Amino acid sequence: MSIVSSLRRAGPALALLALIVGCGRPDGNRSAQRSAEGTKPSDATPSQTRRVAVFLGTSLTDGYGLERNEAYPALIQQKIDSAGLAWSTVNAGLSGEKSAGARGRIGWLLRMPFDVLVLETGANDMLQGTDVDSLRANLQAIVDTVRAARPNARIVLVGMRAAPNLGRAYVERFDPTYPELAQRNGLTLIPFLLEGVAGNRDLNLADGVHPNARGHRIVAETVWKTLEPILRGESPPPAPAAS
């Protein structure tokens, strides 16, 4: 199923998320506390001999409605361990957060050492119809802040697609944002986080918009295809040319 087909099916469900984007996890207070205190790597302190990959994101990264060990960053950690790689993951997802919130948190996250940043934000901006220029500016500011503080850190930008029911004009402005930023900044791009999951009733929670445990396993596979070469020190696939 194509991305467009998935989103057309998911459109009404994605629109529903606009009503609940302010909601946190069922343990929302703990999620907010993790953010305020600085997110802990895989809910445990990594060994000093291990490098760190931080996943900065929304409820899609946080694992809304699930236990943290079911969210895709934890599944990536399992893949890392199975591959014998000396890396630890940090789930810095926060449900309901927009790109402005991620921009505000990046300075705090820079207090911890990390070598890779997986940046997933913008879904809540889209669902609230936030101006695309504002989203683009926030993403660029996060990239610039990380580059200034950690010039050797790798940044993986996670793409999102706009729900079709937001209108063609918005979709045509929103969708190119991620590939354009990736190309302009030399970032590695994951084109669409929810590839194969969006719009599939069997892979989402009852709300129809947040991946369930099975959905997160598919998301983890999508992310791992791009992330694994980076963690192994290989050249990642180049960002697609902006259209």
C-alpha atoms as a PDB file:
ATOM      1  CA  MET A   1       0.000   0.000   0.000  1.00  0.00           C
ATOM      2  CA  SER A   2       1.393   3.416  -0.941  1.00  0.00           C
ATOM      3  CA  ILE A   3       1.942   6.251   1.524  1.00  0.00           C
ATOM      4  CA  VAL A   4      -0.798   8.262  -0.143  1.00  0.00           C
ATOM      5  CA  SER A   5      -3.258   5.361   0.004  1.00  0.00           C
ATOM      6  CA  SER A   6      -2.410   4.747   3.649  1.00  0.00           C
ATOM      7  CA  LEU A   7      -3.003   8.371   4.525  1.00  0.00           C
ATOM      8  CA  ARG A   8      -6.255   8.562   2.605  1.00  0.00           C
ATOM      9  CA  ARG A   9      -7.510   5.651   4.657  1.00  0.00           C
ATOM     10  CA  ALA A  10      -6.077   7.168   7.811  1.00  0.00           C
ATOM     11  CA  GLY A  11      -7.345  10.689   7.112  1.00  0.00           C
ATOM     12  CA  PRO A  12     -10.431  10.680   9.379  1.00  0.00           C
ATOM     13  CA  ALA A  13      -8.541   8.892  12.115  1.00  0.00           C
ATOM     14  CA  LEU A  14      -5.629  11.279  11.886  1.00  0.00           C
ATOM     15  CA  ALA A  15      -8.029  14.172  12.147  1.00  0.00           C
ATOM     16  CA  LEU A  16      -9.315  12.663  15.384  1.00  0.00           C
ATOM     17  CA  LEU A  17      -5.844  13.021  16.851  1.00  0.00           C
ATOM     18  CA  ALA A  18      -6.243  16.792  16.666  1.00  0.00           C
ATOM     19  CA  LEU A  19      -8.699  16.419  19.525  1.00  0.00           C
ATOM     20  CA  ILE A  20      -6.275  14.497  21.700  1.00  0.00           C
ATOM     21  CA  VAL A  21      -2.811  15.782  20.801  1.00  0.00           C
ATOM     22  CA  GLY A  22      -2.662  17.520  24.158  1.00  0.00           C
ATOM     23  CA  CYS A  23      -3.114  14.225  25.948  1.00  0.00           C
ATOM     24  CA  GLY A  24      -0.118  12.485  27.392  1.00  0.00           C
ATOM     25  CA  ARG A  25       0.488   8.816  27.884  1.00  0.00           C
ATOM     26  CA  PRO A  26      -1.755   6.999  30.367  1.00  0.00           C
ATOM     27  CA  ASP A  27       1.159   7.767  32.695  1.00  0.00           C
ATOM     28  CA  GLY A  28       1.287  11.339  31.418  1.00  0.00           C
ATOM     29  CA  ASN A  29       2.655  12.829  34.615  1.00  0.00           C
ATOM     30  CA  ARG A  30       5.620  10.479  34.519  1.00  0.00           C
ATOM     31  CA  SER A  31       6.188  11.343  30.872  1.00  0.00           C
ATOM     32  CA  ALA A  32       6.213  15.048  31.635  1.00  0.00           C
ATOM     33  CA  GLN A  33       8.513  14.455  34.586  1.00  0.00           C
ATOM     34  CA  ARG A  34      10.947  12.530  32.381  1.00  0.00           C
ATOM     35  CA  SER A  35      11.012  15.498  30.031  1.00  0.00           C
ATOM     36  CA  ALA A  36      11.531  18.025  32.813  1.00  0.00           C
ATOM     37  CA  GLU A  37      14.314  16.030  34.412  1.00  0.00           C
ATOM     38  CA  GLY A  38      16.050  15.021  31.212  1.00  0.00           C
ATOM     39  CA  THR A  39      15.184  11.707  29.633  1.00  0.00           C
ATOM     40  CA  LYS A  40      17.163   8.719  30.773  1.00  0.00           C
ATOM     41  CA  PRO A  41      18.770   6.346  28.251  1.00  0.00           C
ATOM     42  CA  SER A  42      16.480   3.347  27.846  1.00  0.00           C
ATOM     43  CA  ASP A  43      15.237   4.167  31.364  1.00  0.00           C
ATOM     44  CA  ALA A  44      18.715   3.226  32.597  1.00  0.00           C
ATOM     45  CA  THR A  45      22.113   4.897  32.542  1.00  0.00           C
ATOM     46  CA  PRO A  46      24.263   3.545  29.678  1.00  0.00           C
ATOM     47  CA  SER A  47      27.785   2.308  30.162  1.00  0.00           C
ATOM     48  CA  GLN A  48      30.427   4.944  29.554  1.00  0.00           C
ATOM     49  CA  THR A  49      31.872   2.630  26.887  1.00  0.00           C
ATOM     50  CA  ARG A  50      28.650   2.720  24.892  1.00  0.00           C
ATOM     51  CA  ARG A  51      27.713   5.477  22.483  1.00  0.00           C
ATOM     52  CA  VAL A  52      24.257   7.016  22.677  1.00  0.00           C
ATOM     53  CA  ALA A  53      21.441   7.541  20.178  1.00  0.00           C
ATOM     54  CA  VAL A  54      18.703   9.943  21.316  1.00  0.00           C
ATOM     55  CA  PHE A  55      15.175   9.696  19.896  1.00  0.00           C
ATOM     56  CA  LEU A  56      13.548  13.120  20.218  1.00  0.00           C
ATOM     57  CA  GLY A  57       9.895  12.841  19.301  1.00  0.00           C
ATOM     58  CA  THR A  58       6.174  12.940  19.931  1.00  0.00           C
ATOM     59  CA  SER A  59       3.730  10.284  21.141  1.00  0.00           C
ATOM     60  CA  LEU A  60       4.803   8.207  18.154  1.00  0.00           C
ATOM     61  CA  THR A  61       8.229   7.870  19.756  1.00  0.00           C
ATOM     62  CA  ASP A  62       7.057   8.015  23.356  1.00  0.00           C
ATOM     63  CA  GLY A  63       4.924   4.913  22.772  1.00  0.00           C
ATOM     64  CA  TYR A  64       1.509   6.360  23.608  1.00  0.00           C
ATOM     65  CA  GLY A  65      -0.753   3.750  25.202  1.00  0.00           C
ATOM     66  CA  LEU A  66       2.045   1.193  25.551  1.00  0.00           C
ATOM     67  CA  GLU A  67       4.778   0.284  27.959  1.00  0.00           C
ATOM     68  CA  ARG A  68       8.088   1.938  27.173  1.00  0.00           C
ATOM     69  CA  ASN A  69       9.638  -1.427  26.282  1.00  0.00           C
ATOM     70  CA  GLU A  70       7.063  -1.800  23.484  1.00  0.00           C
ATOM     71  CA  ALA A  71       7.879   1.541  21.820  1.00  0.00           C
ATOM     72  CA  TYR A  72      10.142   1.471  18.796  1.00  0.00           C
ATOM     73  CA  PRO A  73      13.236   3.029  20.484  1.00  0.00           C
ATOM     74  CA  ALA A  74      13.295   0.107  22.937  1.00  0.00           C
ATOM     75  CA  LEU A  75      12.872  -2.321  20.026  1.00  0.00           C
ATOM     76  CA  ILE A  76      15.803  -0.623  18.318  1.00  0.00           C
ATOM     77  CA  GLN A  77      17.808  -1.270  21.495  1.00  0.00           C
ATOM     78  CA  GLN A  78      16.948  -4.957  21.216  1.00  0.00           C
ATOM     79  CA  LYS A  79      18.232  -4.975  17.643  1.00  0.00           C
ATOM     80  CA  ILE A  80      21.393  -3.172  18.753  1.00  0.00           C
ATOM     81  CA  ASP A  81      22.022  -5.733  21.470  1.00  0.00           C
ATOM     82  CA  SER A  82      21.348  -8.644  19.112  1.00  0.00           C
ATOM     83  CA  ALA A  83      23.839  -7.168  16.651  1.00  0.00           C
ATOM     84  CA  GLY A  84      26.460  -6.790  19.396  1.00  0.00           C
ATOM     85  CA  LEU A  85      26.795  -3.045  18.869  1.00  0.00           C
ATOM     86  CA  ALA A  86      27.995  -0.817  21.719  1.00  0.00           C
ATOM     87  CA  TRP A  87      25.136   1.676  21.621  1.00  0.00           C
ATOM     88  CA  SER A  88      22.394   2.722  24.047  1.00  0.00           C
ATOM     89  CA  THR A  89      19.111   4.348  23.056  1.00  0.00           C
ATOM     90  CA  VAL A  90      17.369   7.241  24.794  1.00  0.00           C
ATOM     91  CA  ASN A  91      13.612   7.585  24.359  1.00  0.00           C
ATOM     92  CA  ALA A  92      13.059  11.342  24.587  1.00  0.00           C
ATOM     93  CA  GLY A  93       9.544  11.191  23.180  1.00  0.00           C
ATOM     94  CA  LEU A  94       6.833  13.352  24.738  1.00  0.00           C
ATOM     95  CA  SER A  95       3.176  12.880  23.857  1.00  0.00           C
ATOM     96  CA  GLY A  96       1.343  15.932  22.568  1.00  0.00           C
ATOM     97  CA  GLU A  97       4.487  17.917  21.838  1.00  0.00           C
ATOM     98  CA  LYS A  98       4.775  20.206  18.827  1.00  0.00           C
ATOM     99  CA  SER A  99       8.004  21.183  17.103  1.00  0.00           C
ATOM    100  CA  ALA A 100       8.287  24.342  19.218  1.00  0.00           C
ATOM    101  CA  GLY A 101       8.398  22.154  22.324  1.00  0.00           C
ATOM    102  CA  ALA A 102      11.087  19.952  20.811  1.00  0.00           C
ATOM    103  CA  ARG A 103      13.049  23.082  19.970  1.00  0.00           C
ATOM    104  CA  GLY A 104      12.752  24.183  23.578  1.00  0.00           C
ATOM    105  CA  ARG A 105      13.909  20.807  24.928  1.00  0.00           C
ATOM    106  CA  ILE A 106      16.947  20.293  22.717  1.00  0.00           C
ATOM    107  CA  GLY A 107      19.154  22.470  24.908  1.00  0.00           C
ATOM    108  CA  TRP A 108      18.333  20.275  27.904  1.00  0.00           C
ATOM    109  CA  LEU A 109      19.004  17.105  25.945  1.00  0.00           C
ATOM    110  CA  LEU A 110      22.381  18.459  24.896  1.00  0.00           C
ATOM    111  CA  ARG A 111      23.431  18.237  28.542  1.00  0.00           C
ATOM    112  CA  MET A 112      23.740  14.494  28.057  1.00  0.00           C
ATOM    113  CA  PRO A 113      26.288  12.945  25.703  1.00  0.00           C
ATOM    114  CA  PHE A 114      24.969  11.551  22.452  1.00  0.00           C
ATOM    115  CA  ASP A 115      26.390  10.729  19.059  1.00  0.00           C
ATOM    116  CA  VAL A 116      23.190  10.327  17.031  1.00  0.00           C
ATOM    117  CA  LEU A 117      19.949  12.295  17.181  1.00  0.00           C
ATOM    118  CA  VAL A 118      16.837  10.764  15.623  1.00  0.00           C
ATOM    119  CA  LEU A 119      14.508  13.741  15.213  1.00  0.00           C
ATOM    120  CA  GLU A 120      10.776  12.986  14.953  1.00  0.00           C
ATOM    121  CA  THR A 121       8.489  15.976  15.336  1.00  0.00           C
ATOM    122  CA  GLY A 122       5.828  17.782  13.350  1.00  0.00           C
ATOM    123  CA  ALA A 123       2.858  15.402  13.458  1.00  0.00           C
ATOM    124  CA  ASN A 124       1.091  17.496  16.084  1.00  0.00           C
ATOM    125  CA  ASP A 125       1.941  20.704  14.204  1.00  0.00           C
ATOM    126  CA  MET A 126       0.284  19.189  11.151  1.00  0.00           C
ATOM    127  CA  LEU A 127      -2.818  18.006  12.981  1.00  0.00           C
ATOM    128  CA  GLN A 128      -3.312  21.473  14.476  1.00  0.00           C
ATOM    129  CA  GLY A 129      -2.733  23.136  11.117  1.00  0.00           C
ATOM    130  CA  THR A 130       0.359  24.978  12.319  1.00  0.00           C
ATOM    131  CA  ASP A 131       1.944  27.166   9.691  1.00  0.00           C
ATOM    132  CA  VAL A 132       4.488  25.115   7.774  1.00  0.00           C
ATOM    133  CA  ASP A 133       7.034  27.939   7.866  1.00  0.00           C
ATOM    134  CA  SER A 134       6.954  27.753  11.671  1.00  0.00           C
ATOM    135  CA  LEU A 135       7.525  23.992  11.594  1.00  0.00           C
ATOM    136  CA  ARG A 136      10.387  24.413   9.160  1.00  0.00           C
ATOM    137  CA  ALA A 137      11.987  27.114  11.307  1.00  0.00           C
ATOM    138  CA  ASN A 138      11.755  24.949  14.428  1.00  0.00           C
ATOM    139  CA  LEU A 139      13.286  21.936  12.706  1.00  0.00           C
ATOM    140  CA  GLN A 140      16.096  24.078  11.315  1.00  0.00           C
ATOM    141  CA  ALA A 141      16.745  25.610  14.732  1.00  0.00           C
ATOM    142  CA  ILE A 142      17.053  22.147  16.295  1.00  0.00           C
ATOM    143  CA  VAL A 143      19.510  21.109  13.606  1.00  0.00           C
ATOM    144  CA  ASP A 144      21.520  24.318  13.999  1.00  0.00           C
ATOM    145  CA  THR A 145      21.622  23.981  17.795  1.00  0.00           C
ATOM    146  CA  VAL A 146      22.849  20.391  17.641  1.00  0.00           C
ATOM    147  CA  ARG A 147      25.402  21.186  14.939  1.00  0.00           C
ATOM    148  CA  ALA A 148      26.795  24.082  16.972  1.00  0.00           C
ATOM    149  CA  ALA A 149      27.123  22.054  20.162  1.00  0.00           C
ATOM    150  CA  ARG A 150      27.930  18.644  18.664  1.00  0.00           C
ATOM    151  CA  PRO A 151      29.393  19.112  15.194  1.00  0.00           C
ATOM    152  CA  ASN A 152      30.272  15.418  14.965  1.00  0.00           C
ATOM    153  CA  ALA A 153      26.831  14.139  15.959  1.00  0.00           C
ATOM    154  CA  ARG A 154      24.765  12.507  13.227  1.00  0.00           C
ATOM    155  CA  ILE A 155      21.185  13.695  12.750  1.00  0.00           C
ATOM    156  CA  VAL A 156      18.507  11.440  11.301  1.00  0.00           C
ATOM    157  CA  LEU A 157      15.373  13.345  10.288  1.00  0.00           C
ATOM    158  CA  VAL A 158      12.133  11.370  10.483  1.00  0.00           C
ATOM    159  CA  GLY A 159       9.581  12.398   7.906  1.00  0.00           C
ATOM    160  CA  MET A 160       5.840  12.775   8.327  1.00  0.00           C
ATOM    161  CA  ARG A 161       3.033  13.225   5.814  1.00  0.00           C
ATOM    162  CA  ALA A 162       0.010  15.479   6.126  1.00  0.00           C
ATOM    163  CA  ALA A 163      -3.460  13.978   6.382  1.00  0.00           C
ATOM    164  CA  PRO A 164      -5.299  14.569   3.081  1.00  0.00           C
ATOM    165  CA  ASN A 165      -8.349  16.022   4.830  1.00  0.00           C
ATOM    166  CA  LEU A 166      -6.287  19.074   5.743  1.00  0.00           C
ATOM    167  CA  GLY A 167      -6.546  20.201   2.154  1.00  0.00           C
ATOM    168  CA  ARG A 168      -4.359  19.930  -0.892  1.00  0.00           C
ATOM    169  CA  ALA A 169      -2.660  23.300  -0.373  1.00  0.00           C
ATOM    170  CA  TYR A 170      -1.491  22.358   3.127  1.00  0.00           C
ATOM    171  CA  VAL A 171      -0.368  18.881   2.041  1.00  0.00           C
ATOM    172  CA  GLU A 172       1.673  20.354  -0.817  1.00  0.00           C
ATOM    173  CA  ARG A 173       3.456  22.686   1.608  1.00  0.00           C
ATOM    174  CA  PHE A 174       3.888  20.229   4.471  1.00  0.00           C
ATOM    175  CA  ASP A 175       5.065  17.048   2.751  1.00  0.00           C
ATOM    176  CA  PRO A 176       8.198  18.461   1.059  1.00  0.00           C
ATOM    177  CA  THR A 177       9.428  20.024   4.314  1.00  0.00           C
ATOM    178  CA  TYR A 178      11.355  16.967   5.502  1.00  0.00           C
ATOM    179  CA  PRO A 179      13.150  16.005   2.270  1.00  0.00           C
ATOM    180  CA  GLU A 180      13.999  19.653   1.602  1.00  0.00           C
ATOM    181  CA  LEU A 181      15.506  20.123   5.068  1.00  0.00           C
ATOM    182  CA  ALA A 182      17.375  16.836   4.821  1.00  0.00           C
ATOM    183  CA  GLN A 183      18.869  17.796   1.476  1.00  0.00           C
ATOM    184  CA  ARG A 184      19.726  21.343   2.551  1.00  0.00           C
ATOM    185  CA  ASN A 185      21.446  20.227   5.758  1.00  0.00           C
ATOM    186  CA  GLY A 186      22.968  16.958   4.605  1.00  0.00           C
ATOM    187  CA  LEU A 187      20.814  14.909   6.986  1.00  0.00           C
ATOM    188  CA  THR A 188      19.878  11.274   6.697  1.00  0.00           C
ATOM    189  CA  LEU A 189      16.139  11.000   6.031  1.00  0.00           C
ATOM    190  CA  ILE A 190      13.571   8.384   6.970  1.00  0.00           C
ATOM    191  CA  PRO A 191      10.872   9.426   4.474  1.00  0.00           C
ATOM    192  CA  PHE A 192       7.803   8.345   6.475  1.00  0.00           C
ATOM    193  CA  LEU A 193       7.820   6.918   9.995  1.00  0.00           C
ATOM    194  CA  LEU A 194       4.441   5.207   9.664  1.00  0.00           C
ATOM    195  CA  GLU A 195       5.084   3.454   6.353  1.00  0.00           C
ATOM    196  CA  GLY A 196       2.943   0.315   6.296  1.00  0.00           C
ATOM    197  CA  VAL A 197       1.256   1.231   9.591  1.00  0.00           C
ATOM    198  CA  ALA A 198      -0.844   4.359   8.966  1.00  0.00           C
ATOM    199  CA  GLY A 199      -4.430   3.479   8.183  1.00  0.00           C
ATOM    200  CA  ASN A 200      -4.097  -0.187   9.129  1.00  0.00           C
ATOM    201  CA  ARG A 201      -6.656  -0.955  11.835  1.00  0.00           C
ATOM    202  CA  ASP A 202      -4.783  -4.059  12.974  1.00  0.00           C
ATOM    203  CA  LEU A 203      -1.583  -2.115  13.627  1.00  0.00           C
ATOM    204  CA  ASN A 204      -3.010   0.781  15.618  1.00  0.00           C
ATOM    205  CA  LEU A 205      -4.680   1.334  18.960  1.00  0.00           C
ATOM    206  CA  ALA A 206      -8.435   1.786  19.211  1.00  0.00           C
ATOM    207  CA  ASP A 207      -8.006   5.514  18.493  1.00  0.00           C
ATOM    208  CA  GLY A 208      -6.862   4.553  15.000  1.00  0.00           C
ATOM    209  CA  VAL A 209      -3.851   6.861  15.038  1.00  0.00           C
ATOM    210  CA  HIS A 210      -1.250   5.544  17.476  1.00  0.00           C
ATOM    211  CA  PRO A 211       0.598   2.330  16.573  1.00  0.00           C
ATOM    212  CA  ASN A 212      -0.022  -0.649  18.815  1.00  0.00           C
ATOM    213  CA  ALA A 213       2.729  -3.070  19.816  1.00  0.00           C
ATOM    214  CA  ARG A 214       2.606  -4.780  16.406  1.00  0.00           C
ATOM    215  CA  GLY A 215       2.682  -1.401  14.703  1.00  0.00           C
ATOM    216  CA  HIS A 216       5.733  -0.322  16.676  1.00  0.00           C
ATOM    217  CA  ARG A 217       7.547  -3.468  15.570  1.00  0.00           C
ATOM    218  CA  ILE A 218       7.006  -2.405  11.958  1.00  0.00           C
ATOM    219  CA  VAL A 219       8.074   1.161  12.764  1.00  0.00           C
ATOM    220  CA  ALA A 220      11.233  -0.238  14.373  1.00  0.00           C
ATOM    221  CA  GLU A 221      12.034  -2.131  11.166  1.00  0.00           C
ATOM    222  CA  THR A 222      11.556   1.058   9.142  1.00  0.00           C
ATOM    223  CA  VAL A 223      13.879   3.033  11.410  1.00  0.00           C
ATOM    224  CA  TRP A 224      16.449   0.251  11.698  1.00  0.00           C
ATOM    225  CA  LYS A 225      16.959   0.060   7.924  1.00  0.00           C
ATOM    226  CA  THR A 226      18.285   3.603   7.997  1.00  0.00           C
ATOM    227  CA  LEU A 227      19.850   3.674  11.441  1.00  0.00           C
ATOM    228  CA  GLU A 228      21.800   0.416  11.424  1.00  0.00           C
ATOM    229  CA  PRO A 229      24.439   1.538   8.868  1.00  0.00           C
ATOM    230  CA  ILE A 230      25.047   4.704  10.899  1.00  0.00           C
ATOM    231  CA  LEU A 231      25.531   2.784  14.133  1.00  0.00           C
ATOM    232  CA  ARG A 232      27.933   0.452  12.338  1.00  0.00           C
ATOM    233  CA  GLY A 233      29.935   3.426  11.084  1.00  0.00           C
ATOM    234  CA  GLU A 234      28.929   2.877   7.489  1.00  0.00           C
ATOM    235  CA  SER A 235      27.715   5.506   5.050  1.00  0.00           C
ATOM    236  CA  PRO A 236      23.958   6.016   5.450  1.00  0.00           C
ATOM    237  CA  PRO A 237      21.715   6.222   2.387  1.00  0.00           C
ATOM    238  CA  PRO A 238      21.617   9.774   1.001  1.00  0.00           C
ATOM    239  CA  ALA A 239      18.610  11.969   1.484  1.00  0.00           C
ATOM    240  CA  PRO A 240      16.292  11.897  -1.553  1.00  0.00           C
ATOM    241  CA  ALA A 241      16.380  14.954  -3.772  1.00  0.00           C
ATOM    242  CA  ALA A 242      13.724  17.492  -2.817  1.00  0.00           C
ATOM    243  CA  SER A 243      10.944  17.681  -5.369  1.00  0.00           C
END
